[in-house]
Amino acid sequence: MSSRGRKKAALYKNLMQLRDVTNSTALNKTSIVVDATKYIEELKQKVDSLNQEIGTSEISTVQNSLPVRVTVEALEKGFLINVYSEKNCPGLLVSILEAFEKLGLEVLDARVSCTDCFQLEAIGGDSSEGQVEGMDAQVVKQAVLQAINNVQAE
């Protein structure tokens, strides 16, 4: 096999690897490269989103005197919101509930412990205004973190 033939075979092999990695179904070179470009853009967006989420959590911990963990999971109609803080502060529950109200979230179910630490597990659903439909979990998380920051800044 000639040098040119080996290069062509190696290029084809690499192109097929690229096709497999990017889950492309394209058959020609141009389409495979276009699909790979789209895939890379999607990955960049995911990385940016994760970096933003990590940055928000770090800012929250740095700004607050207490470490706080907030997770928000999108449900079919609403959100599962978990908040944990090593210490309880006066007004924390009220502030979080006010944030829910501003977002148009109605508390459908909740478990709260405010003894030594603060724990909240709540299911927030759509109130009568219909604002929750299409709302992102990140928006809810930001609002809860802001409510916590407001209480701890007082």
Protein backbone atom coordinates (compact mmCIF):
# COMPACT_ATOMS: atom_id res chain seq x y z
CA MET A 1 0.00 0.00 0.00
CA SER A 2 1.31 3.40 -0.91
CA SER A 3 1.91 6.28 1.48
CA ARG A 4 -1.07 8.12 0.02
CA GLY A 5 -3.27 5.05 0.47
CA ARG A 6 -2.27 4.70 4.14
CA LYS A 7 -3.00 8.39 4.78
CA LYS A 8 -6.40 8.07 3.10
CA ALA A 9 -7.21 4.95 5.15
CA ALA A 10 -6.12 6.67 8.38
CA LEU A 11 -8.23 9.74 7.55
CA TYR A 12 -11.26 7.54 6.84
CA LYS A 13 -10.74 5.66 10.12
CA ASN A 14 -10.52 8.95 12.05
CA LEU A 15 -13.62 10.28 10.30
CA MET A 16 -15.56 7.16 11.31
CA GLN A 17 -14.37 7.57 14.91
CA LEU A 18 -15.56 11.18 14.85
CA ARG A 19 -18.90 10.00 13.48
CA ASP A 20 -19.25 7.43 16.29
CA VAL A 21 -18.25 9.82 19.07
CA THR A 22 -20.72 12.49 17.95
CA ASN A 23 -23.56 9.99 17.34
CA SER A 24 -23.79 11.17 13.75
CA THR A 25 -25.72 9.16 11.18
CA ALA A 26 -24.23 11.11 8.27
CA LEU A 27 -22.36 9.27 5.53
CA ASN A 28 -20.39 11.97 3.75
CA LYS A 29 -17.41 13.86 5.14
CA THR A 30 -19.01 17.29 5.13
CA SER A 31 -22.12 16.16 7.02
CA ILE A 32 -20.01 14.32 9.61
CA VAL A 33 -17.95 17.46 10.23
CA VAL A 34 -21.12 19.61 10.45
CA ASP A 35 -22.64 17.15 12.96
CA ALA A 36 -19.40 17.19 14.96
CA THR A 37 -19.45 20.99 15.03
CA LYS A 38 -23.03 20.99 16.35
CA TYR A 39 -22.10 18.38 18.94
CA ILE A 40 -19.13 20.47 20.12
CA GLU A 41 -21.38 23.55 20.44
CA GLU A 42 -23.86 21.55 22.55
CA LEU A 43 -21.02 20.38 24.78
CA LYS A 44 -19.76 23.97 25.16
CA GLN A 45 -23.25 25.08 26.24
CA LYS A 46 -23.43 22.26 28.78
CA VAL A 47 -19.99 23.18 30.16
CA ASP A 48 -20.99 26.85 30.41
CA SER A 49 -24.21 25.91 32.19
CA LEU A 50 -22.39 23.66 34.65
CA ASN A 51 -19.70 26.29 35.26
CA GLN A 52 -22.40 28.86 35.94
CA GLU A 53 -24.12 26.48 38.37
CA ILE A 54 -20.84 25.72 40.15
CA GLY A 55 -19.97 29.41 40.25
CA THR A 56 -23.34 30.26 41.76
CA SER A 57 -22.93 27.63 44.45
CA GLU A 58 -19.41 28.84 45.26
CA ILE A 59 -20.55 32.47 45.41
CA SER A 60 -23.35 31.43 47.72
CA THR A 61 -20.95 29.67 50.09
CA VAL A 62 -18.38 32.48 50.03
CA GLN A 63 -20.93 35.25 50.57
CA ASN A 64 -22.70 33.40 53.34
CA SER A 65 -21.24 32.80 56.73
CA LEU A 66 -22.71 29.30 56.59
CA PRO A 67 -22.38 26.69 53.88
CA VAL A 68 -25.72 26.11 52.21
CA ARG A 69 -26.67 23.37 49.78
CA VAL A 70 -29.59 23.99 47.43
CA THR A 71 -30.79 21.51 44.84
CA VAL A 72 -33.74 21.94 42.52
CA GLU A 73 -35.09 19.14 40.38
CA ALA A 74 -37.72 19.71 37.71
CA LEU A 75 -40.78 17.50 38.06
CA GLU A 76 -43.61 16.96 35.59
CA LYS A 77 -45.56 19.89 37.03
CA GLY A 78 -43.31 21.84 39.36
CA PHE A 79 -40.08 21.36 41.25
CA LEU A 80 -38.54 19.38 44.10
CA ILE A 81 -36.54 21.85 46.16
CA ASN A 82 -34.03 20.78 48.84
CA VAL A 83 -32.26 23.26 51.08
CA TYR A 84 -29.74 22.34 53.77
CA SER A 85 -27.79 24.67 56.04
CA GLU A 86 -25.59 23.63 58.94
CA LYS A 87 -27.17 26.35 61.07
CA ASN A 88 -30.63 27.79 61.22
CA CYS A 89 -31.16 31.53 61.00
CA PRO A 90 -34.26 33.44 62.00
CA GLY A 91 -36.47 34.27 59.03
CA LEU A 92 -34.89 31.74 56.66
CA LEU A 93 -38.04 29.69 56.06
CA VAL A 94 -40.16 32.81 55.60
CA SER A 95 -37.70 34.26 53.11
CA ILE A 96 -37.63 31.05 51.04
CA LEU A 97 -41.42 30.82 51.04
CA GLU A 98 -41.64 34.45 49.89
CA ALA A 99 -39.27 33.58 47.02
CA PHE A 100 -41.60 30.73 46.05
CA GLU A 101 -44.51 33.15 46.08
CA LYS A 102 -42.69 35.65 43.84
CA LEU A 103 -42.01 32.86 41.35
CA GLY A 104 -45.64 31.79 41.38
CA LEU A 105 -44.82 28.49 43.09
CA GLU A 106 -47.39 27.06 45.45
CA VAL A 107 -46.04 24.72 48.13
CA LEU A 108 -47.83 21.42 47.50
CA ASP A 109 -45.92 19.39 50.08
CA ALA A 110 -43.09 20.24 52.48
CA ARG A 111 -40.97 18.85 55.28
CA VAL A 112 -39.00 21.30 57.37
CA SER A 113 -36.60 20.95 60.28
CA CYS A 114 -35.41 24.13 61.99
CA THR A 115 -33.76 22.80 65.13
CA ASP A 116 -29.94 22.89 65.01
CA CYS A 117 -29.61 22.82 61.24
CA PHE A 118 -32.08 23.99 58.61
CA GLN A 119 -33.54 21.40 56.26
CA LEU A 120 -36.33 21.95 53.77
CA GLU A 121 -37.71 19.54 51.24
CA ALA A 122 -40.58 21.05 49.31
CA ILE A 123 -42.57 20.34 46.19
CA GLY A 124 -43.50 23.57 44.49
CA GLY A 125 -46.22 23.49 41.88
CA ASP A 126 -48.07 25.92 39.71
CA SER A 127 -50.26 28.46 41.42
CA SER A 128 -53.32 29.80 39.62
CA GLU A 129 -51.29 32.30 37.55
CA GLY A 130 -49.65 29.55 35.45
CA GLN A 131 -46.15 31.09 35.72
CA VAL A 132 -44.34 27.82 36.43
CA GLU A 133 -44.87 26.27 33.01
CA GLY A 134 -41.62 26.65 31.10
CA MET A 135 -39.70 27.87 34.17
CA ASP A 136 -36.17 26.52 34.48
CA ALA A 137 -34.92 24.77 37.65
CA GLN A 138 -31.92 27.11 37.61
CA VAL A 139 -34.26 30.12 37.99
CA VAL A 140 -35.83 28.55 41.07
CA LYS A 141 -32.40 27.72 42.52
CA GLN A 142 -31.18 31.30 41.97
CA ALA A 143 -34.27 32.70 43.68
CA VAL A 144 -33.83 30.42 46.71
CA LEU A 145 -30.12 31.27 46.97
CA GLN A 146 -30.95 34.97 46.77
CA ALA A 147 -33.56 34.57 49.52
CA ILE A 148 -30.96 32.85 51.72
CA ASN A 149 -28.39 35.55 50.99
CA ASN A 150 -30.92 38.26 51.90
CA VAL A 151 -31.64 36.69 55.30
CA GLN A 152 -27.99 36.15 56.13
CA ALA A 153 -27.05 39.69 55.08
CA GLU A 154 -29.48 41.14 57.62
